[in-house]
C-alpha atoms as a PDB file:
ATOM      1  CA  UNK A   1     -36.801 -52.048 174.518  1.00  0.00           C
ATOM      2  CA  UNK A   2     -33.857 -53.543 172.473  1.00  0.00           C
ATOM      3  CA  UNK A   3     -32.482 -50.609 170.959  1.00  0.00           C
ATOM      4  CA  UNK A   4     -29.352 -48.507 172.320  1.00  0.00           C
ATOM      5  CA  UNK A   5     -30.912 -45.387 173.880  1.00  0.00           C
ATOM      6  CA  UNK A   6     -28.923 -42.550 175.576  1.00  0.00           C
ATOM      7  CA  UNK A   7     -30.105 -39.195 177.120  1.00  0.00           C
ATOM      8  CA  UNK A   8     -28.612 -36.435 176.930  1.00  0.00           C
ATOM      9  CA  UNK A   9     -28.893 -32.928 176.273  1.00  0.00           C
ATOM     10  CA  UNK A  10     -29.212 -32.669 172.655  1.00  0.00           C
ATOM     11  CA  UNK A  11     -33.505 -32.178 172.003  1.00  0.00           C
ATOM     12  CA  UNK A  12     -32.210 -34.120 168.169  1.00  0.00           C
ATOM     13  CA  UNK A  13     -31.255 -37.325 168.305  1.00  0.00           C
ATOM     14  CA  UNK A  14     -28.938 -39.280 165.894  1.00  0.00           C
ATOM     15  CA  UNK A  15     -30.299 -42.367 165.217  1.00  0.00           C
ATOM     16  CA  UNK A  16     -28.079 -45.265 163.815  1.00  0.00           C
ATOM     17  CA  UNK A  17     -29.530 -47.528 160.959  1.00  0.00           C
ATOM     18  CA  UNK A  18     -26.885 -50.303 161.188  1.00  0.00           C
ATOM     19  CA  UNK A  19     -26.351 -52.555 157.630  1.00  0.00           C
ATOM     20  CA  UNK A  20     -26.448 -55.996 156.155  1.00  0.00           C
ATOM     21  CA  UNK A  21     -25.275 -58.518 158.653  1.00  0.00           C
ATOM     22  CA  UNK A  22     -24.786 -56.024 161.519  1.00  0.00           C
ATOM     23  CA  UNK A  23     -26.581 -54.714 164.785  1.00  0.00           C
ATOM     24  CA  UNK A  24     -26.279 -51.817 167.460  1.00  0.00           C
ATOM     25  CA  UNK A  25     -23.258 -53.285 168.375  1.00  0.00           C
ATOM     26  CA  UNK A  26     -21.538 -52.206 165.177  1.00  0.00           C
ATOM     27  CA  UNK A  27     -21.245 -48.745 166.808  1.00  0.00           C
ATOM     28  CA  UNK A  28     -19.008 -49.932 170.034  1.00  0.00           C
ATOM     29  CA  UNK A  29     -15.855 -48.520 168.070  1.00  0.00           C
ATOM     30  CA  UNK A  30     -17.497 -44.879 168.295  1.00  0.00           C
ATOM     31  CA  UNK A  31     -20.825 -44.494 170.115  1.00  0.00           C
ATOM     32  CA  UNK A  32     -19.640 -42.819 173.207  1.00  0.00           C
ATOM     33  CA  UNK A  33     -17.939 -40.225 171.242  1.00  0.00           C
ATOM     34  CA  UNK A  34     -20.834 -40.236 169.617  1.00  0.00           C
ATOM     35  CA  UNK A  35     -23.077 -40.008 172.135  1.00  0.00           C
ATOM     36  CA  UNK A  36     -21.537 -37.022 173.814  1.00  0.00           C
ATOM     37  CA  UNK A  37     -23.931 -34.069 174.359  1.00  0.00           C
ATOM     38  CA  UNK A  38     -26.629 -35.840 172.393  1.00  0.00           C
ATOM     39  CA  UNK A  39     -29.194 -38.160 172.415  1.00  0.00           C
ATOM     40  CA  UNK A  40     -27.784 -41.203 170.602  1.00  0.00           C
ATOM     41  CA  UNK A  41     -30.930 -44.189 169.523  1.00  0.00           C
ATOM     42  CA  UNK A  42     -28.464 -47.136 167.568  1.00  0.00           C
ATOM     43  CA  UNK A  43     -31.360 -49.669 166.025  1.00  0.00           C
ATOM     44  CA  UNK A  44     -31.435 -53.445 165.435  1.00  0.00           C
ATOM     45  CA  UNK A  45     -33.230 -54.427 162.565  1.00  0.00           C
ATOM     46  CA  UNK A  46     -35.736 -57.578 162.836  1.00  0.00           C
ATOM     47  CA  UNK A  47     -33.715 -60.812 162.112  1.00  0.00           C
ATOM     48  CA  UNK A  48     -29.989 -58.496 162.959  1.00  0.00           C
ATOM     49  CA  UNK A  49     -28.464 -58.306 166.284  1.00  0.00           C
ATOM     50  CA  UNK A  50     -30.920 -58.176 169.403  1.00  0.00           C
ATOM     51  CA  UNK A  51     -33.693 -59.357 166.829  1.00  0.00           C
ATOM     52  CA  UNK A  52     -32.048 -62.081 165.084  1.00  0.00           C
ATOM     53  CA  UNK A  53     -34.785 -63.838 166.992  1.00  0.00           C
ATOM     54  CA  UNK A  54     -37.756 -61.457 164.409  1.00  0.00           C
ATOM     55  CA  UNK A  55     -38.672 -62.299 161.293  1.00  0.00           C
ATOM     56  CA  UNK A  56     -36.994 -60.539 159.021  1.00  0.00           C
ATOM     57  CA  UNK A  57     -38.029 -58.167 156.580  1.00  0.00           C
ATOM     58  CA  UNK A  58     -37.260 -58.619 152.687  1.00  0.00           C
ATOM     59  CA  UNK A  59     -37.589 -55.367 151.336  1.00  0.00           C
ATOM     60  CA  UNK A  60     -36.052 -51.960 152.033  1.00  0.00           C
ATOM     61  CA  UNK A  61     -39.029 -49.967 152.185  1.00  0.00           C
ATOM     62  CA  UNK A  62     -40.440 -52.668 154.399  1.00  0.00           C
ATOM     63  CA  UNK A  63     -37.174 -51.754 156.605  1.00  0.00           C
ATOM     64  CA  UNK A  64     -37.860 -48.325 156.173  1.00  0.00           C
ATOM     65  CA  UNK A  65     -41.185 -48.449 157.707  1.00  0.00           C
ATOM     66  CA  UNK A  66     -40.099 -50.690 160.351  1.00  0.00           C
ATOM     67  CA  UNK A  67     -38.105 -48.047 161.976  1.00  0.00           C
ATOM     68  CA  UNK A  68     -40.372 -45.385 161.439  1.00  0.00           C
ATOM     69  CA  UNK A  69     -42.532 -46.818 163.705  1.00  0.00           C
ATOM     70  CA  UNK A  70     -40.592 -47.765 165.788  1.00  0.00           C
ATOM     71  CA  UNK A  71     -39.223 -44.443 165.996  1.00  0.00           C
ATOM     72  CA  UNK A  72     -42.986 -43.551 166.890  1.00  0.00           C
ATOM     73  CA  UNK A  73     -42.818 -45.634 169.858  1.00  0.00           C
ATOM     74  CA  UNK A  74     -40.524 -44.309 171.464  1.00  0.00           C
ATOM     75  CA  UNK A  75     -41.819 -40.459 170.527  1.00  0.00           C
ATOM     76  CA  UNK A  76     -39.207 -40.122 168.518  1.00  0.00           C
ATOM     77  CA  UNK A  77     -40.808 -36.790 166.301  1.00  0.00           C
ATOM     78  CA  UNK A  78     -37.863 -35.308 164.876  1.00  0.00           C
ATOM     79  CA  UNK A  79     -34.228 -36.852 164.066  1.00  0.00           C
ATOM     80  CA  UNK A  80     -30.356 -37.141 162.655  1.00  0.00           C
ATOM     81  CA  UNK A  81     -29.950 -40.155 160.716  1.00  0.00           C
ATOM     82  CA  UNK A  82     -27.302 -42.174 159.600  1.00  0.00           C
ATOM     83  CA  UNK A  83     -27.552 -44.954 157.442  1.00  0.00           C
ATOM     84  CA  UNK A  84     -24.486 -47.509 156.532  1.00  0.00           C
ATOM     85  CA  UNK A  85     -24.207 -49.684 154.263  1.00  0.00           C
ATOM     86  CA  UNK A  86     -27.552 -51.470 153.527  1.00  0.00           C
ATOM     87  CA  UNK A  87     -28.791 -49.001 156.143  1.00  0.00           C
ATOM     88  CA  UNK A  88     -27.602 -46.184 154.251  1.00  0.00           C
ATOM     89  CA  UNK A  89     -30.407 -47.634 151.687  1.00  0.00           C
ATOM     90  CA  UNK A  90     -32.975 -48.040 154.383  1.00  0.00           C
ATOM     91  CA  UNK A  91     -32.300 -43.866 155.499  1.00  0.00           C
ATOM     92  CA  UNK A  92     -32.406 -43.438 152.071  1.00  0.00           C
ATOM     93  CA  UNK A  93     -35.897 -44.268 151.976  1.00  0.00           C
ATOM     94  CA  UNK A  94     -36.865 -42.961 155.014  1.00  0.00           C
ATOM     95  CA  UNK A  95     -35.906 -39.370 152.907  1.00  0.00           C
ATOM     96  CA  UNK A  96     -38.794 -40.595 150.421  1.00  0.00           C
ATOM     97  CA  UNK A  97     -41.168 -41.231 153.006  1.00  0.00           C
ATOM     98  CA  UNK A  98     -40.893 -39.292 156.474  1.00  0.00           C
ATOM     99  CA  UNK A  99     -38.450 -35.999 154.685  1.00  0.00           C
ATOM    100  CA  UNK A 100     -39.472 -33.210 156.996  1.00  0.00           C
ATOM    101  CA  UNK A 101     -38.902 -35.491 160.342  1.00  0.00           C
ATOM    102  CA  UNK A 102     -34.877 -35.941 159.464  1.00  0.00           C
ATOM    103  CA  UNK A 103     -32.920 -32.908 160.416  1.00  0.00           C
ATOM    104  CA  UNK A 104     -29.627 -34.011 158.612  1.00  0.00           C
ATOM    105  CA  UNK A 105     -28.800 -37.193 156.282  1.00  0.00           C
ATOM    106  CA  UNK A 106     -25.315 -39.039 156.621  1.00  0.00           C
ATOM    107  CA  UNK A 107     -25.070 -41.182 153.683  1.00  0.00           C
ATOM    108  CA  UNK A 108     -22.477 -43.484 154.793  1.00  0.00           C
ATOM    109  CA  UNK A 109     -20.231 -46.244 152.452  1.00  0.00           C
ATOM    110  CA  UNK A 110     -23.767 -46.702 150.424  1.00  0.00           C
ATOM    111  CA  UNK A 111     -25.094 -45.872 147.387  1.00  0.00           C
ATOM    112  CA  UNK A 112     -28.283 -45.554 145.358  1.00  0.00           C
ATOM    113  CA  UNK A 113     -28.274 -48.677 143.465  1.00  0.00           C
ATOM    114  CA  UNK A 114     -29.192 -51.588 145.232  1.00  0.00           C
ATOM    115  CA  UNK A 115     -27.247 -54.601 143.097  1.00  0.00           C
ATOM    116  CA  UNK A 116     -23.965 -52.121 144.672  1.00  0.00           C
ATOM    117  CA  UNK A 117     -22.145 -52.413 140.660  1.00  0.00           C
ATOM    118  CA  UNK A 118     -18.782 -53.187 141.718  1.00  0.00           C
ATOM    119  CA  UNK A 119     -19.616 -54.921 144.380  1.00  0.00           C
ATOM    120  CA  UNK A 120     -16.951 -57.726 145.395  1.00  0.00           C
ATOM    121  CA  UNK A 121     -19.245 -60.264 143.711  1.00  0.00           C
ATOM    122  CA  UNK A 122     -22.200 -59.620 142.649  1.00  0.00           C
ATOM    123  CA  UNK A 123     -25.069 -60.175 144.701  1.00  0.00           C
ATOM    124  CA  UNK A 124     -26.758 -63.372 142.967  1.00  0.00           C
ATOM    125  CA  UNK A 125     -23.287 -65.090 143.709  1.00  0.00           C
ATOM    126  CA  UNK A 126     -23.733 -64.541 147.412  1.00  0.00           C
ATOM    127  CA  UNK A 127     -27.180 -65.263 147.650  1.00  0.00           C
ATOM    128  CA  UNK A 128     -26.495 -68.447 145.597  1.00  0.00           C
ATOM    129  CA  UNK A 129     -23.617 -68.869 147.677  1.00  0.00           C
ATOM    130  CA  UNK A 130     -25.768 -69.101 150.785  1.00  0.00           C
ATOM    131  CA  UNK A 131     -28.418 -71.484 149.354  1.00  0.00           C
ATOM    132  CA  UNK A 132     -26.350 -74.222 147.400  1.00  0.00           C
ATOM    133  CA  UNK A 133     -23.808 -73.546 150.449  1.00  0.00           C
ATOM    134  CA  UNK A 134     -24.894 -72.564 153.944  1.00  0.00           C
ATOM    135  CA  UNK A 135     -24.402 -69.433 155.628  1.00  0.00           C
ATOM    136  CA  UNK A 136     -20.956 -69.591 157.549  1.00  0.00           C
ATOM    137  CA  UNK A 137     -18.396 -69.359 154.483  1.00  0.00           C
ATOM    138  CA  UNK A 138     -20.218 -66.784 152.754  1.00  0.00           C
ATOM    139  CA  UNK A 139     -20.679 -64.556 155.589  1.00  0.00           C
ATOM    140  CA  UNK A 140     -17.455 -64.701 156.332  1.00  0.00           C
ATOM    141  CA  UNK A 141     -15.642 -63.839 153.099  1.00  0.00           C
ATOM    142  CA  UNK A 142     -18.267 -60.878 153.289  1.00  0.00           C
ATOM    143  CA  UNK A 143     -17.091 -59.910 156.779  1.00  0.00           C
ATOM    144  CA  UNK A 144     -13.887 -60.232 155.431  1.00  0.00           C
ATOM    145  CA  UNK A 145     -14.166 -58.078 152.699  1.00  0.00           C
ATOM    146  CA  UNK A 146     -15.535 -55.290 154.172  1.00  0.00           C
ATOM    147  CA  UNK A 147     -11.852 -54.277 156.292  1.00  0.00           C
ATOM    148  CA  UNK A 148      -8.174 -53.240 154.293  1.00  0.00           C
ATOM    149  CA  UNK A 149      -6.634 -55.604 156.153  1.00  0.00           C
ATOM    150  CA  UNK A 150      -9.563 -58.123 155.558  1.00  0.00           C
ATOM    151  CA  UNK A 151      -9.716 -60.937 157.946  1.00  0.00           C
ATOM    152  CA  UNK A 152      -6.880 -59.865 159.917  1.00  0.00           C
ATOM    153  CA  UNK A 153      -7.862 -56.403 161.102  1.00  0.00           C
ATOM    154  CA  UNK A 154      -8.405 -56.269 164.635  1.00  0.00           C
ATOM    155  CA  UNK A 155     -12.513 -56.082 164.253  1.00  0.00           C
ATOM    156  CA  UNK A 156     -12.695 -58.581 162.373  1.00  0.00           C
ATOM    157  CA  UNK A 157     -13.522 -61.355 164.508  1.00  0.00           C
ATOM    158  CA  UNK A 158     -16.515 -59.256 166.390  1.00  0.00           C
ATOM    159  CA  UNK A 159     -17.848 -58.416 162.770  1.00  0.00           C
ATOM    160  CA  UNK A 160     -18.162 -61.702 162.284  1.00  0.00           C
ATOM    161  CA  UNK A 161     -19.293 -63.094 165.713  1.00  0.00           C
ATOM    162  CA  UNK A 162     -22.374 -60.604 165.096  1.00  0.00           C
ATOM    163  CA  UNK A 163     -23.178 -61.169 161.702  1.00  0.00           C
ATOM    164  CA  UNK A 164     -23.549 -65.465 162.282  1.00  0.00           C
ATOM    165  CA  UNK A 165     -26.190 -64.392 164.511  1.00  0.00           C
ATOM    166  CA  UNK A 166     -28.287 -63.639 161.694  1.00  0.00           C
ATOM    167  CA  UNK A 167     -30.170 -66.890 160.758  1.00  0.00           C
ATOM    168  CA  UNK A 168     -29.840 -68.173 156.656  1.00  0.00           C
ATOM    169  CA  UNK A 169     -33.735 -67.020 156.402  1.00  0.00           C
ATOM    170  CA  UNK A 170     -32.686 -62.783 157.085  1.00  0.00           C
ATOM    171  CA  UNK A 171     -29.359 -63.254 154.856  1.00  0.00           C
ATOM    172  CA  UNK A 172     -31.662 -64.836 151.958  1.00  0.00           C
ATOM    173  CA  UNK A 173     -34.063 -61.790 152.505  1.00  0.00           C
ATOM    174  CA  UNK A 174     -31.357 -58.898 153.022  1.00  0.00           C
ATOM    175  CA  UNK A 175     -29.683 -59.383 150.054  1.00  0.00           C
ATOM    176  CA  UNK A 176     -32.591 -59.875 147.929  1.00  0.00           C
ATOM    177  CA  UNK A 177     -34.082 -56.360 149.715  1.00  0.00           C
ATOM    178  CA  UNK A 178     -30.592 -54.580 148.468  1.00  0.00           C
ATOM    179  CA  UNK A 179     -30.715 -56.491 145.021  1.00  0.00           C
ATOM    180  CA  UNK A 180     -34.583 -55.429 144.622  1.00  0.00           C
ATOM    181  CA  UNK A 181     -33.957 -51.409 146.013  1.00  0.00           C
ATOM    182  CA  UNK A 182     -33.344 -48.668 143.825  1.00  0.00           C
ATOM    183  CA  UNK A 183     -33.067 -44.933 145.102  1.00  0.00           C
ATOM    184  CA  UNK A 184     -32.046 -43.038 142.126  1.00  0.00           C
ATOM    185  CA  UNK A 185     -35.164 -41.392 141.733  1.00  0.00           C
ATOM    186  CA  UNK A 186     -35.744 -39.783 144.736  1.00  0.00           C
ATOM    187  CA  UNK A 187     -31.794 -38.402 145.016  1.00  0.00           C
ATOM    188  CA  UNK A 188     -32.850 -34.478 143.828  1.00  0.00           C
ATOM    189  CA  UNK A 189     -35.851 -34.785 146.390  1.00  0.00           C
ATOM    190  CA  UNK A 190     -33.907 -35.093 149.044  1.00  0.00           C
ATOM    191  CA  UNK A 191     -33.768 -31.730 150.723  1.00  0.00           C
ATOM    192  CA  UNK A 192     -31.902 -32.169 154.107  1.00  0.00           C
ATOM    193  CA  UNK A 193     -28.339 -31.032 155.288  1.00  0.00           C
ATOM    194  CA  UNK A 194     -26.781 -34.380 153.726  1.00  0.00           C
ATOM    195  CA  UNK A 195     -23.054 -35.665 154.126  1.00  0.00           C
ATOM    196  CA  UNK A 196     -22.018 -38.191 152.425  1.00  0.00           C
ATOM    197  CA  UNK A 197     -18.997 -40.657 153.894  1.00  0.00           C
ATOM    198  CA  UNK A 198     -17.008 -43.143 151.959  1.00  0.00           C
ATOM    199  CA  UNK A 199     -13.270 -45.271 152.617  1.00  0.00           C
ATOM    200  CA  UNK A 200     -11.380 -45.209 149.759  1.00  0.00           C
ATOM    201  CA  UNK A 201     -10.415 -48.576 149.534  1.00  0.00           C
ATOM    202  CA  UNK A 202     -14.827 -49.625 149.927  1.00  0.00           C
ATOM    203  CA  UNK A 203     -14.833 -52.993 148.276  1.00  0.00           C
ATOM    204  CA  UNK A 204     -18.169 -53.242 148.693  1.00  0.00           C
ATOM    205  CA  UNK A 205     -19.500 -49.472 146.918  1.00  0.00           C
ATOM    206  CA  UNK A 206     -17.297 -47.565 144.108  1.00  0.00           C
ATOM    207  CA  UNK A 207     -16.268 -44.388 144.384  1.00  0.00           C
ATOM    208  CA  UNK A 208     -19.541 -43.199 141.390  1.00  0.00           C
ATOM    209  CA  UNK A 209     -21.572 -44.656 143.696  1.00  0.00           C
ATOM    210  CA  UNK A 210     -20.606 -42.020 146.233  1.00  0.00           C
ATOM    211  CA  UNK A 211     -20.485 -39.429 143.456  1.00  0.00           C
ATOM    212  CA  UNK A 212     -23.761 -39.920 142.377  1.00  0.00           C
ATOM    213  CA  UNK A 213     -25.543 -39.483 145.608  1.00  0.00           C
ATOM    214  CA  UNK A 214     -22.926 -36.147 146.438  1.00  0.00           C
ATOM    215  CA  UNK A 215     -24.079 -35.204 142.930  1.00  0.00           C
ATOM    216  CA  UNK A 216     -27.987 -36.059 143.184  1.00  0.00           C
ATOM    217  CA  UNK A 217     -28.581 -34.608 146.251  1.00  0.00           C
ATOM    218  CA  UNK A 218     -28.981 -30.977 146.132  1.00  0.00           C
ATOM    219  CA  UNK A 219     -27.424 -29.931 149.854  1.00  0.00           C
ATOM    220  CA  UNK A 220     -24.841 -33.363 150.104  1.00  0.00           C
ATOM    221  CA  UNK A 221     -21.331 -33.062 150.711  1.00  0.00           C
ATOM    222  CA  UNK A 222     -19.052 -35.761 150.452  1.00  0.00           C
ATOM    223  CA  UNK A 223     -15.953 -36.677 152.503  1.00  0.00           C
ATOM    224  CA  UNK A 224     -13.531 -39.727 151.554  1.00  0.00           C
ATOM    225  CA  UNK A 225     -11.650 -41.060 154.386  1.00  0.00           C
ATOM    226  CA  UNK A 226      -8.041 -41.922 153.124  1.00  0.00           C
ATOM    227  CA  UNK A 227      -6.805 -45.708 153.684  1.00  0.00           C
ATOM    228  CA  UNK A 228      -9.964 -46.982 155.047  1.00  0.00           C
ATOM    229  CA  UNK A 229     -13.082 -49.681 153.878  1.00  0.00           C
ATOM    230  CA  UNK A 230     -16.441 -50.285 154.266  1.00  0.00           C
ATOM    231  CA  UNK A 231     -15.925 -49.926 157.999  1.00  0.00           C
ATOM    232  CA  UNK A 232     -13.721 -46.630 158.250  1.00  0.00           C
ATOM    233  CA  UNK A 233     -15.661 -46.085 161.829  1.00  0.00           C
ATOM    234  CA  UNK A 234     -14.021 -49.049 163.069  1.00  0.00           C
ATOM    235  CA  UNK A 235     -10.634 -48.644 160.910  1.00  0.00           C
ATOM    236  CA  UNK A 236     -10.671 -44.675 161.310  1.00  0.00           C
ATOM    237  CA  UNK A 237     -12.906 -43.845 164.129  1.00  0.00           C
ATOM    238  CA  UNK A 238     -11.528 -41.018 165.376  1.00  0.00           C
ATOM    239  CA  UNK A 239     -11.441 -39.295 161.941  1.00  0.00           C
ATOM    240  CA  UNK A 240     -14.850 -40.496 161.216  1.00  0.00           C
ATOM    241  CA  UNK A 241     -16.331 -38.668 164.161  1.00  0.00           C
ATOM    242  CA  UNK A 242     -13.955 -35.584 163.640  1.00  0.00           C
ATOM    243  CA  UNK A 243     -16.045 -35.070 160.194  1.00  0.00           C
ATOM    244  CA  UNK A 244     -19.874 -36.252 161.308  1.00  0.00           C
ATOM    245  CA  UNK A 245     -18.925 -33.929 164.364  1.00  0.00           C
ATOM    246  CA  UNK A 246     -18.283 -31.104 162.194  1.00  0.00           C
ATOM    247  CA  UNK A 247     -21.160 -31.688 159.947  1.00  0.00           C
ATOM    248  CA  UNK A 248     -23.626 -31.147 163.128  1.00  0.00           C
ATOM    249  CA  UNK A 249     -21.802 -28.272 164.149  1.00  0.00           C
ATOM    250  CA  UNK A 250     -22.273 -26.885 160.725  1.00  0.00           C
ATOM    251  CA  UNK A 251     -25.090 -27.580 160.006  1.00  0.00           C
ATOM    252  CA  UNK A 252     -27.757 -24.377 160.303  1.00  0.00           C
ATOM    253  CA  UNK A 253     -31.032 -26.302 160.374  1.00  0.00           C
ATOM    254  CA  UNK A 254     -29.266 -29.639 162.491  1.00  0.00           C
END
């Protein structure tokens, strides 16, 4: 088993699904705190992190089915679900596929539009750069845009090293998966308690994407982290965890 699983007394685990160019290691700034008092499962998606040697998946629906199958193999029937960025698209798809299994949903730095309107550069431009010039320059540019301080952030080098584990096929497949996905039509069907988290300096997702989630999902709450970018859990880990803990502590069905 390559996924990071920590057992505690909480019978409903919290499942973390990372985003594009990331891995289970990405939660290192918050995993100890989030694991306190509950079982924590941090997934490595195929083609990324500890699974970078595995064939990549080229659709959000394909990723969603894979995560569901992985949880089935662990014997996990009911769970809380947190998805970041591309992982947020994946967990929205899971909420459509297996809504009764999800006790609570956290959509972090994500939106219902796969093409990412307002992103620091269009996805098709990132794909062109990778196809024309390889992954190195494009990956470092993408990672730098995840932080308010860009490449000067203390987490930049760690995140870049994780991102560089992905092969060219995986990078192109992930970009195509996001670009080809749209979840707007599902929003009103998500009936589980939902928290939307967004850093107000996020250059990947504009506030319009977060408002679409907040206004479209019946039981959604919205939390904005000031002074944080796309990776608010790195830049403001204490506030990020406090928001999650408050949501789960006050969620009657979690």
